[in-house]
Amino acid sequence: LQELFTVPDTSIPLQDFCKHVDKQDNMTVPRNQNVYRLEFQRLQSLCPSYSADKHKSAKLKENVSKNAVKDILPHDDYRPYLMSFGKNRNDYINAVMIP
């Protein structure tokens, strides 16, 4: 919903795509920038940021080694819980459920 009000419509009809890319490539933007970088930054600003206390499970000593990328951690409210019954196993997996 936030995207609806903060990001302009970016849909492009297929027949106009090449024309659109040419127009984007010829736009004047500040030095060391390009239109695609600016669009990416705008999209990135829409991403939610979560406080460190929302990743408690990922930071537990027994789970740290399960995080292949140390700065991409699942939010505790959205992660799946494994049903592990083996010795030295727990319910943690570095993943999130997407509706």
N, C-alpha and C. Protein backbone atom coordinates (compact mmCIF):
# COMPACT_ATOMS: atom_id res chain seq x y z
N LEU A 1 0.82 -1.19 0.00
CA LEU A 1 0.00 0.00 0.00
C LEU A 1 0.87 1.26 0.00
N GLN A 2 1.96 1.22 0.77
CA GLN A 2 2.85 2.37 0.81
C GLN A 2 3.41 2.66 -0.58
N GLU A 3 3.75 1.61 -1.30
CA GLU A 3 4.29 1.79 -2.64
C GLU A 3 3.30 2.51 -3.55
N LEU A 4 2.04 2.21 -3.41
CA LEU A 4 1.00 2.84 -4.23
C LEU A 4 1.04 4.36 -4.12
N PHE A 5 1.29 4.87 -2.91
CA PHE A 5 1.26 6.31 -2.69
C PHE A 5 2.62 7.00 -2.81
N THR A 6 3.70 6.24 -2.78
CA THR A 6 5.02 6.87 -2.78
C THR A 6 5.83 6.66 -4.05
N VAL A 7 5.46 5.68 -4.85
CA VAL A 7 6.22 5.39 -6.07
C VAL A 7 5.32 5.60 -7.27
N PRO A 8 5.79 6.35 -8.24
CA PRO A 8 4.95 6.56 -9.42
C PRO A 8 4.76 5.25 -10.20
N ASP A 9 3.74 5.23 -11.02
CA ASP A 9 3.49 4.05 -11.85
C ASP A 9 4.67 3.84 -12.78
N THR A 10 5.26 2.66 -12.74
CA THR A 10 6.43 2.38 -13.56
C THR A 10 6.15 1.34 -14.63
N SER A 11 4.89 1.01 -14.83
CA SER A 11 4.58 0.03 -15.87
C SER A 11 4.84 0.64 -17.25
N ILE A 12 5.34 -0.20 -18.14
CA ILE A 12 5.69 0.24 -19.49
C ILE A 12 5.09 -0.77 -20.47
N PRO A 13 4.28 -0.31 -21.41
CA PRO A 13 3.76 -1.25 -22.41
C PRO A 13 4.92 -1.86 -23.21
N LEU A 14 4.80 -3.11 -23.55
CA LEU A 14 5.87 -3.83 -24.24
C LEU A 14 6.35 -3.09 -25.49
N GLN A 15 5.42 -2.58 -26.27
CA GLN A 15 5.80 -1.91 -27.52
C GLN A 15 6.57 -0.61 -27.28
N ASP A 16 6.51 -0.06 -26.06
CA ASP A 16 7.21 1.19 -25.75
C ASP A 16 8.51 0.97 -24.97
N PHE A 17 8.85 -0.27 -24.68
CA PHE A 17 9.98 -0.54 -23.80
C PHE A 17 11.30 0.01 -24.35
N CYS A 18 11.64 -0.28 -25.59
CA CYS A 18 12.91 0.19 -26.17
C CYS A 18 12.98 1.71 -26.18
N LYS A 19 11.88 2.35 -26.51
CA LYS A 19 11.81 3.81 -26.51
C LYS A 19 12.06 4.34 -25.09
N HIS A 20 11.46 3.68 -24.12
CA HIS A 20 11.62 4.09 -22.72
C HIS A 20 13.08 3.97 -22.26
N VAL A 21 13.73 2.87 -22.60
CA VAL A 21 15.13 2.67 -22.22
C VAL A 21 16.01 3.74 -22.86
N ASP A 22 15.79 4.04 -24.13
CA ASP A 22 16.56 5.10 -24.79
C ASP A 22 16.36 6.44 -24.09
N LYS A 23 15.14 6.73 -23.73
CA LYS A 23 14.84 7.99 -23.03
C LYS A 23 15.55 8.03 -21.68
N GLN A 24 15.51 6.92 -20.94
CA GLN A 24 16.18 6.86 -19.64
C GLN A 24 17.69 7.07 -19.79
N ASP A 25 18.27 6.44 -20.80
CA ASP A 25 19.71 6.54 -21.01
C ASP A 25 20.14 7.96 -21.38
N ASN A 26 19.24 8.75 -21.93
CA ASN A 26 19.58 10.10 -22.36
C ASN A 26 19.20 11.18 -21.35
N MET A 27 18.65 10.78 -20.21
CA MET A 27 18.27 11.76 -19.20
C MET A 27 19.51 12.35 -18.53
N THR A 28 19.41 13.61 -18.15
CA THR A 28 20.49 14.28 -17.45
C THR A 28 20.31 14.08 -15.95
N VAL A 29 21.32 13.52 -15.32
CA VAL A 29 21.29 13.29 -13.87
C VAL A 29 22.63 13.74 -13.30
N PRO A 30 22.72 13.90 -11.97
CA PRO A 30 23.99 14.32 -11.37
C PRO A 30 25.14 13.38 -11.73
N ARG A 31 26.34 13.93 -11.72
CA ARG A 31 27.54 13.15 -12.01
C ARG A 31 27.62 11.93 -11.09
N ASN A 32 28.15 10.85 -11.57
CA ASN A 32 28.29 9.58 -10.83
C ASN A 32 26.95 8.95 -10.48
N GLN A 33 25.91 9.33 -11.16
CA GLN A 33 24.59 8.73 -10.94
C GLN A 33 24.05 8.29 -12.30
N ASN A 34 23.05 7.47 -12.25
CA ASN A 34 22.29 7.19 -13.46
C ASN A 34 20.85 6.93 -13.05
N VAL A 35 19.98 6.94 -14.00
CA VAL A 35 18.55 6.84 -13.72
C VAL A 35 18.24 5.53 -13.00
N TYR A 36 18.92 4.47 -13.39
CA TYR A 36 18.64 3.16 -12.79
C TYR A 36 19.10 3.11 -11.33
N ARG A 37 20.21 3.73 -11.04
CA ARG A 37 20.68 3.79 -9.65
C ARG A 37 19.70 4.60 -8.80
N LEU A 38 19.22 5.71 -9.33
CA LEU A 38 18.26 6.53 -8.59
C LEU A 38 16.96 5.76 -8.33
N GLU A 39 16.51 5.01 -9.33
CA GLU A 39 15.29 4.22 -9.15
C GLU A 39 15.51 3.12 -8.10
N PHE A 40 16.68 2.49 -8.14
CA PHE A 40 17.01 1.46 -7.15
C PHE A 40 17.03 2.06 -5.75
N GLN A 41 17.63 3.23 -5.60
CA GLN A 41 17.68 3.88 -4.28
C GLN A 41 16.28 4.21 -3.78
N ARG A 42 15.41 4.63 -4.67
CA ARG A 42 14.03 4.92 -4.27
C ARG A 42 13.33 3.65 -3.79
N LEU A 43 13.52 2.56 -4.51
CA LEU A 43 12.92 1.28 -4.09
C LEU A 43 13.52 0.80 -2.77
N GLN A 44 14.82 0.97 -2.62
CA GLN A 44 15.49 0.53 -1.40
C GLN A 44 14.99 1.31 -0.19
N SER A 45 14.63 2.55 -0.38
CA SER A 45 14.12 3.36 0.74
C SER A 45 12.77 2.85 1.23
N LEU A 46 12.08 2.07 0.42
CA LEU A 46 10.79 1.52 0.82
C LEU A 46 10.92 0.25 1.66
N CYS A 47 12.10 -0.34 1.68
CA CYS A 47 12.31 -1.57 2.44
C CYS A 47 12.26 -1.27 3.92
N PRO A 48 11.53 -2.07 4.67
CA PRO A 48 11.47 -1.84 6.12
C PRO A 48 12.80 -2.16 6.77
N SER A 49 13.11 -1.47 7.83
CA SER A 49 14.30 -1.81 8.62
C SER A 49 13.82 -2.23 10.00
N TYR A 50 14.43 -3.28 10.50
CA TYR A 50 14.02 -3.84 11.78
C TYR A 50 15.13 -3.67 12.80
N SER A 51 14.74 -3.49 14.04
CA SER A 51 15.72 -3.35 15.11
C SER A 51 16.37 -4.70 15.40
N ALA A 52 17.54 -4.66 16.02
CA ALA A 52 18.31 -5.87 16.29
C ALA A 52 17.56 -6.86 17.16
N ASP A 53 16.67 -6.39 18.01
CA ASP A 53 15.95 -7.31 18.89
C ASP A 53 14.92 -8.15 18.15
N LYS A 54 14.72 -7.91 16.87
CA LYS A 54 13.79 -8.71 16.07
C LYS A 54 14.47 -9.92 15.43
N HIS A 55 15.77 -10.09 15.70
CA HIS A 55 16.55 -11.20 15.13
C HIS A 55 17.20 -12.02 16.24
N LYS A 56 16.57 -12.12 17.38
CA LYS A 56 17.18 -12.79 18.54
C LYS A 56 17.54 -14.24 18.26
N SER A 57 16.65 -14.98 17.63
CA SER A 57 16.91 -16.41 17.37
C SER A 57 18.14 -16.59 16.49
N ALA A 58 18.29 -15.74 15.49
CA ALA A 58 19.42 -15.85 14.58
C ALA A 58 20.75 -15.56 15.27
N LYS A 59 20.71 -14.79 16.33
CA LYS A 59 21.94 -14.39 17.02
C LYS A 59 22.31 -15.30 18.19
N LEU A 60 21.47 -16.29 18.46
CA LEU A 60 21.81 -17.23 19.52
C LEU A 60 23.06 -18.01 19.13
N LYS A 61 23.89 -18.31 20.12
CA LYS A 61 25.17 -18.99 19.88
C LYS A 61 25.00 -20.25 19.04
N GLU A 62 23.99 -21.05 19.36
CA GLU A 62 23.80 -22.32 18.64
C GLU A 62 23.28 -22.13 17.21
N ASN A 63 22.87 -20.91 16.84
CA ASN A 63 22.32 -20.68 15.50
C ASN A 63 23.23 -19.85 14.59
N VAL A 64 24.22 -19.20 15.14
CA VAL A 64 25.07 -18.30 14.35
C VAL A 64 25.69 -19.03 13.15
N SER A 65 26.14 -20.26 13.35
CA SER A 65 26.78 -21.00 12.26
C SER A 65 25.80 -21.38 11.15
N LYS A 66 24.52 -21.30 11.40
CA LYS A 66 23.50 -21.65 10.41
C LYS A 66 23.19 -20.49 9.47
N ASN A 67 23.75 -19.32 9.75
CA ASN A 67 23.53 -18.13 8.93
C ASN A 67 24.66 -18.01 7.91
N ALA A 68 24.39 -18.39 6.67
CA ALA A 68 25.42 -18.35 5.63
C ALA A 68 25.91 -16.92 5.40
N VAL A 69 25.02 -15.97 5.44
CA VAL A 69 25.37 -14.56 5.29
C VAL A 69 25.09 -13.90 6.63
N LYS A 70 26.11 -13.37 7.25
CA LYS A 70 26.02 -12.91 8.64
C LYS A 70 25.15 -11.67 8.84
N ASP A 71 24.93 -10.89 7.79
CA ASP A 71 24.12 -9.68 7.97
C ASP A 71 22.73 -9.79 7.33
N ILE A 72 22.35 -10.99 6.91
CA ILE A 72 20.99 -11.23 6.42
C ILE A 72 20.37 -12.25 7.36
N LEU A 73 19.54 -11.74 8.27
CA LEU A 73 18.98 -12.58 9.33
C LEU A 73 17.46 -12.56 9.27
N PRO A 74 16.82 -13.68 9.59
CA PRO A 74 15.36 -13.71 9.55
C PRO A 74 14.74 -13.00 10.74
N HIS A 75 13.66 -12.31 10.48
CA HIS A 75 12.88 -11.65 11.52
C HIS A 75 12.17 -12.73 12.33
N ASP A 76 12.23 -12.65 13.64
CA ASP A 76 11.64 -13.69 14.49
C ASP A 76 10.15 -13.88 14.25
N ASP A 77 9.44 -12.83 13.89
CA ASP A 77 7.99 -12.94 13.68
C ASP A 77 7.61 -13.65 12.37
N TYR A 78 8.56 -13.74 11.43
CA TYR A 78 8.24 -14.28 10.11
C TYR A 78 9.00 -15.55 9.76
N ARG A 79 9.80 -16.07 10.65
CA ARG A 79 10.59 -17.25 10.32
C ARG A 79 9.80 -18.52 10.59
N PRO A 80 10.05 -19.58 9.80
CA PRO A 80 9.42 -20.86 10.09
C PRO A 80 10.14 -21.55 11.24
N TYR A 81 9.45 -22.40 11.93
CA TYR A 81 10.03 -23.16 13.03
C TYR A 81 10.09 -24.63 12.62
N LEU A 82 11.30 -25.18 12.64
CA LEU A 82 11.47 -26.59 12.29
C LEU A 82 10.97 -27.47 13.41
N MET A 83 10.52 -28.63 13.05
CA MET A 83 10.09 -29.60 14.05
C MET A 83 11.18 -30.66 14.14
N SER A 84 12.24 -30.35 14.88
CA SER A 84 13.39 -31.24 15.01
C SER A 84 13.31 -32.02 16.31
N PHE A 85 13.56 -33.30 16.22
CA PHE A 85 13.50 -34.13 17.40
C PHE A 85 14.85 -34.78 17.71
N GLY A 86 15.85 -34.53 16.90
CA GLY A 86 17.16 -35.15 17.10
C GLY A 86 17.97 -34.45 18.17
N LYS A 87 19.02 -35.12 18.60
CA LYS A 87 19.93 -34.57 19.60
C LYS A 87 20.72 -33.41 18.98
N ASN A 88 20.94 -32.38 19.76
CA ASN A 88 21.70 -31.19 19.33
C ASN A 88 21.05 -30.49 18.13
N ARG A 89 19.75 -30.56 18.02
CA ARG A 89 19.04 -29.88 16.95
C ARG A 89 18.00 -28.98 17.59
N ASN A 90 17.65 -27.91 16.90
CA ASN A 90 16.60 -27.02 17.41
C ASN A 90 15.68 -26.61 16.27
N ASP A 91 14.83 -25.66 16.52
CA ASP A 91 13.81 -25.27 15.54
C ASP A 91 14.24 -24.17 14.58
N TYR A 92 15.54 -23.79 14.58
CA TYR A 92 15.98 -22.64 13.80
C TYR A 92 16.42 -23.01 12.39
N ILE A 93 16.00 -22.18 11.44
CA ILE A 93 16.50 -22.19 10.07
C ILE A 93 16.51 -20.73 9.60
N ASN A 94 17.54 -20.35 8.87
CA ASN A 94 17.63 -18.99 8.37
C ASN A 94 16.72 -18.88 7.14
N ALA A 95 15.47 -18.55 7.40
CA ALA A 95 14.48 -18.44 6.33
C ALA A 95 13.31 -17.60 6.84
N VAL A 96 12.53 -17.09 5.92
CA VAL A 96 11.30 -16.40 6.28
C VAL A 96 10.18 -16.95 5.41
N MET A 97 8.98 -16.88 5.94
CA MET A 97 7.81 -17.33 5.19
C MET A 97 7.22 -16.13 4.46
N ILE A 98 6.99 -16.30 3.18
CA ILE A 98 6.44 -15.23 2.36
C ILE A 98 5.02 -15.61 1.97
N PRO A 99 4.06 -14.73 2.27
CA PRO A 99 2.66 -15.06 1.95
C PRO A 99 2.42 -15.11 0.45
